[in-house]
Amino acid sequence: MKIPATKALAHLRQADPVMATVIERVGPCQARAHMDGTHFGAVLRSIVYQQLSGKAAATIHGRVLDLYGGDEPSPRALLRTDDAVLRAAGLSGQKTRYVKDLATHATSRRFPINRLHELEDDEVIATLTQVKGVGRWTAQIFLMFRLGRPDVLPELDLGIQKGIQRAYALRRLPKPEQVLKRGRPWAPYRTIASWYLWRLLDLPAD
């Protein structure tokens, strides 16, 4: 699934001249949401990837999937897996507790893991942050790149803060509340603006 961008780019260019410059520098929008697999598997992956480089996280995530024949485990299958086996695959003790808590929630009828796409953005965040190890940032990334929601601005993200600092030539990193204020004109396409700010950091500084 591709996050809609045509209207977003027109809006962002008109609403914010600085963002228009960022778009020009970065080029075509390639932001995409990935709907393969299950919501449970997507949140599991996000927990595995926390605080790790992409390569290391991918290796550990692959080892975890290998425990289940290369496929995403079901919540019940993960719960049946001994902690020591998950640790041997590369999960820390803390992340092992996190994924087990995710699986426990996912087996509850009151936890709508399979219906997250039916919920409003705030409801998705409120639901996912019930899980240990899943904070607001992780829930926002899920909204953006799992569900393809167009108007999410992860104000706690260091990359977003650095992107704004560079784009607007700020002396200091903006605080989360300043990120939200700066991003108001970008609504209802703040996901696309966020993608451009991340990609801006991949370019050489002026």
Protein backbone atom coordinates (compact mmCIF):
# COMPACT_ATOMS: atom_id res chain seq x y z
CA MET A 1 0.00 0.00 0.00
CA LYS A 2 1.33 3.42 -0.93
CA ILE A 3 0.56 6.39 1.31
CA PRO A 4 -1.33 8.92 -0.88
CA ALA A 5 1.03 11.75 -1.76
CA THR A 6 -0.21 13.76 -4.76
CA LYS A 7 -2.64 15.99 -2.85
CA ALA A 8 -0.30 15.98 0.15
CA LEU A 9 2.59 17.46 -1.80
CA ALA A 10 0.43 20.20 -3.28
CA HIS A 11 -0.87 21.08 0.16
CA LEU A 12 2.54 21.04 1.84
CA ARG A 13 4.12 23.22 -0.85
CA GLN A 14 1.34 25.79 -0.53
CA ALA A 15 1.12 25.72 3.26
CA ASP A 16 4.82 26.03 4.05
CA PRO A 17 7.52 27.51 1.79
CA VAL A 18 10.24 25.81 3.83
CA MET A 19 8.62 22.42 3.37
CA ALA A 20 8.32 23.20 -0.34
CA THR A 21 12.10 23.61 -0.43
CA VAL A 22 12.59 20.34 1.46
CA ILE A 23 10.36 18.52 -1.02
CA GLU A 24 12.33 19.97 -3.92
CA ARG A 25 15.61 18.82 -2.40
CA VAL A 26 14.48 15.31 -1.48
CA GLY A 27 12.52 14.51 -4.61
CA PRO A 28 9.54 12.18 -5.21
CA CYS A 29 7.75 10.77 -2.19
CA GLN A 30 8.36 7.07 -1.69
CA ALA A 31 6.62 6.66 1.65
CA ARG A 32 4.74 3.37 1.81
CA ALA A 33 2.68 1.42 4.28
CA HIS A 34 3.35 -2.30 4.50
CA MET A 35 0.24 -4.41 5.05
CA ASP A 36 1.79 -7.85 4.55
CA GLY A 37 1.53 -10.18 7.51
CA THR A 38 -0.51 -9.47 10.61
CA HIS A 39 -0.85 -6.51 12.93
CA PHE A 40 0.53 -8.70 15.69
CA GLY A 41 3.59 -9.50 13.61
CA ALA A 42 4.11 -5.83 12.80
CA VAL A 43 4.09 -4.80 16.47
CA LEU A 44 6.34 -7.75 17.33
CA ARG A 45 8.81 -6.56 14.70
CA SER A 46 8.73 -3.01 16.05
CA ILE A 47 9.62 -4.25 19.53
CA VAL A 48 12.51 -6.33 18.20
CA TYR A 49 13.83 -3.33 16.26
CA GLN A 50 13.78 -0.90 19.21
CA GLN A 51 17.18 0.67 20.02
CA LEU A 52 19.06 -1.49 17.50
CA SER A 53 20.70 -0.76 14.17
CA GLY A 54 18.71 -1.95 11.18
CA LYS A 55 21.12 -4.77 10.34
CA ALA A 56 21.34 -6.15 13.88
CA ALA A 57 17.58 -5.90 14.35
CA ALA A 58 16.89 -7.65 11.05
CA THR A 59 19.19 -10.50 12.05
CA ILE A 60 17.49 -11.01 15.41
CA HIS A 61 14.02 -10.67 13.90
CA GLY A 62 14.93 -13.30 11.33
CA ARG A 63 16.13 -15.65 14.05
CA VAL A 64 12.88 -15.22 15.95
CA LEU A 65 10.84 -16.01 12.82
CA ASP A 66 13.05 -19.03 12.17
CA LEU A 67 11.76 -20.48 15.45
CA TYR A 68 8.38 -20.72 13.72
CA GLY A 69 9.46 -21.98 10.33
CA GLY A 70 10.23 -18.51 9.00
CA ASP A 71 6.70 -17.23 9.55
CA GLU A 72 5.22 -14.80 12.01
CA PRO A 73 4.20 -16.68 15.16
CA SER A 74 0.67 -16.56 16.44
CA PRO A 75 0.28 -14.98 19.88
CA ARG A 76 -0.38 -18.40 21.43
CA ALA A 77 2.65 -19.94 19.74
CA LEU A 78 4.85 -17.18 21.10
CA LEU A 79 3.44 -17.64 24.58
CA ARG A 80 4.29 -21.35 24.41
CA THR A 81 7.91 -20.55 23.55
CA ASP A 82 10.30 -20.77 26.47
CA ASP A 83 11.95 -17.47 27.39
CA ALA A 84 15.37 -19.07 27.09
CA VAL A 85 14.67 -19.97 23.45
CA LEU A 86 13.76 -16.37 22.65
CA ARG A 87 16.85 -15.16 24.49
CA ALA A 88 18.99 -17.56 22.47
CA ALA A 89 17.56 -16.02 19.29
CA GLY A 90 18.94 -12.67 20.41
CA LEU A 91 16.14 -10.99 22.34
CA SER A 92 17.18 -9.30 25.56
CA GLY A 93 15.44 -10.29 28.76
CA GLN A 94 13.50 -7.03 28.65
CA LYS A 95 12.34 -7.50 25.06
CA THR A 96 11.40 -11.09 25.83
CA ARG A 97 9.07 -9.76 28.52
CA TYR A 98 7.73 -7.17 26.10
CA VAL A 99 6.87 -9.65 23.33
CA LYS A 100 5.29 -12.02 25.84
CA ASP A 101 3.17 -9.14 27.16
CA LEU A 102 2.17 -8.30 23.59
CA ALA A 103 1.17 -11.92 23.01
CA THR A 104 -0.78 -12.01 26.28
CA HIS A 105 -2.72 -8.90 25.28
CA ALA A 106 -3.31 -10.26 21.78
CA THR A 107 -4.98 -13.39 23.13
CA SER A 108 -7.49 -11.28 25.08
CA ARG A 109 -10.83 -10.68 23.42
CA ARG A 110 -10.80 -7.16 24.84
CA PHE A 111 -7.61 -6.27 22.96
CA PRO A 112 -8.53 -5.61 19.30
CA ILE A 113 -5.19 -6.54 17.71
CA ASN A 114 -6.86 -7.70 14.50
CA ARG A 115 -9.12 -4.65 14.24
CA LEU A 116 -6.60 -1.87 14.75
CA HIS A 117 -7.17 -0.66 11.19
CA GLU A 118 -10.80 0.03 12.12
CA LEU A 119 -9.89 2.39 14.97
CA GLU A 120 -9.23 6.12 14.96
CA ASP A 121 -5.62 7.24 15.36
CA ASP A 122 -5.95 8.13 19.04
CA GLU A 123 -7.67 4.82 19.73
CA VAL A 124 -4.83 2.90 18.07
CA ILE A 125 -2.29 4.74 20.23
CA ALA A 126 -4.33 4.14 23.40
CA THR A 127 -4.67 0.45 22.56
CA LEU A 128 -1.05 -0.28 21.66
CA THR A 129 0.44 1.63 24.58
CA GLN A 130 -1.26 -0.81 26.95
CA VAL A 131 1.53 -3.23 25.97
CA LYS A 132 4.78 -3.08 27.89
CA GLY A 133 7.53 -1.66 25.72
CA VAL A 134 5.14 -0.01 23.27
CA GLY A 135 5.16 3.74 23.73
CA ARG A 136 3.60 6.62 21.87
CA TRP A 137 6.41 6.69 19.28
CA THR A 138 6.06 3.00 18.40
CA ALA A 139 2.30 3.38 18.08
CA GLN A 140 2.73 6.40 15.80
CA ILE A 141 5.15 4.52 13.54
CA PHE A 142 2.59 1.71 13.36
CA LEU A 143 -0.05 4.22 12.29
CA MET A 144 2.21 5.67 9.62
CA PHE A 145 3.87 2.66 8.06
CA ARG A 146 1.50 -0.19 8.89
CA LEU A 147 -1.89 1.47 8.55
CA GLY A 148 -0.89 4.24 6.13
CA ARG A 149 -2.53 7.00 8.16
CA PRO A 150 -1.73 10.33 6.47
CA ASP A 151 -1.74 12.77 9.38
CA VAL A 152 0.72 11.52 12.01
CA LEU A 153 3.58 13.62 13.36
CA PRO A 154 5.86 11.72 15.80
CA GLU A 155 6.86 14.70 17.89
CA LEU A 156 9.15 12.65 20.16
CA ASP A 157 11.26 11.38 17.26
CA LEU A 158 14.82 12.69 17.28
CA GLY A 159 15.05 12.47 13.49
CA ILE A 160 11.98 14.66 13.10
CA GLN A 161 13.42 17.16 15.55
CA LYS A 162 16.75 17.21 13.72
CA GLY A 163 15.00 17.52 10.37
CA ILE A 164 13.07 20.55 11.55
CA GLN A 165 16.21 22.06 13.04
CA ARG A 166 18.02 21.73 9.70
CA ALA A 167 15.11 22.77 7.50
CA TYR A 168 14.36 25.91 9.50
CA ALA A 169 17.98 26.69 10.47
CA LEU A 170 17.20 26.57 14.19
CA ARG A 171 19.98 26.98 16.71
CA ARG A 172 18.55 24.30 19.01
CA LEU A 173 16.53 21.14 18.61
CA PRO A 174 12.82 21.92 18.86
CA LYS A 175 10.98 20.47 21.83
CA PRO A 176 8.04 18.12 21.18
CA GLU A 177 5.49 20.88 21.68
CA GLN A 178 7.42 23.06 19.24
CA VAL A 179 7.42 20.23 16.71
CA LEU A 180 3.63 20.02 16.94
CA LYS A 181 3.27 23.79 16.59
CA ARG A 182 5.60 23.86 13.59
CA GLY A 183 3.67 21.01 12.00
CA ARG A 184 0.17 22.47 12.28
CA PRO A 185 0.18 23.89 8.73
CA TRP A 186 1.10 20.46 7.37
CA ALA A 187 -2.16 18.85 8.53
CA PRO A 188 -3.85 16.71 7.27
CA TYR A 189 -0.67 15.31 5.68
CA ARG A 190 1.83 15.32 8.50
CA THR A 191 2.91 11.74 7.75
CA ILE A 192 4.22 12.86 4.36
CA ALA A 193 5.94 15.89 5.90
CA SER A 194 7.58 13.60 8.46
CA TRP A 195 8.89 11.30 5.74
CA TYR A 196 10.48 14.27 3.99
CA LEU A 197 12.13 15.48 7.20
CA TRP A 198 13.66 12.03 7.75
CA ARG A 199 14.91 11.88 4.18
CA LEU A 200 16.34 15.41 4.46
CA LEU A 201 18.80 14.08 7.03
CA ASP A 202 20.14 11.65 4.42
CA LEU A 203 21.27 14.56 2.24
CA PRO A 204 24.48 16.56 2.70
CA ALA A 205 24.06 19.63 4.88
CA ASP A 206 23.97 22.96 3.06
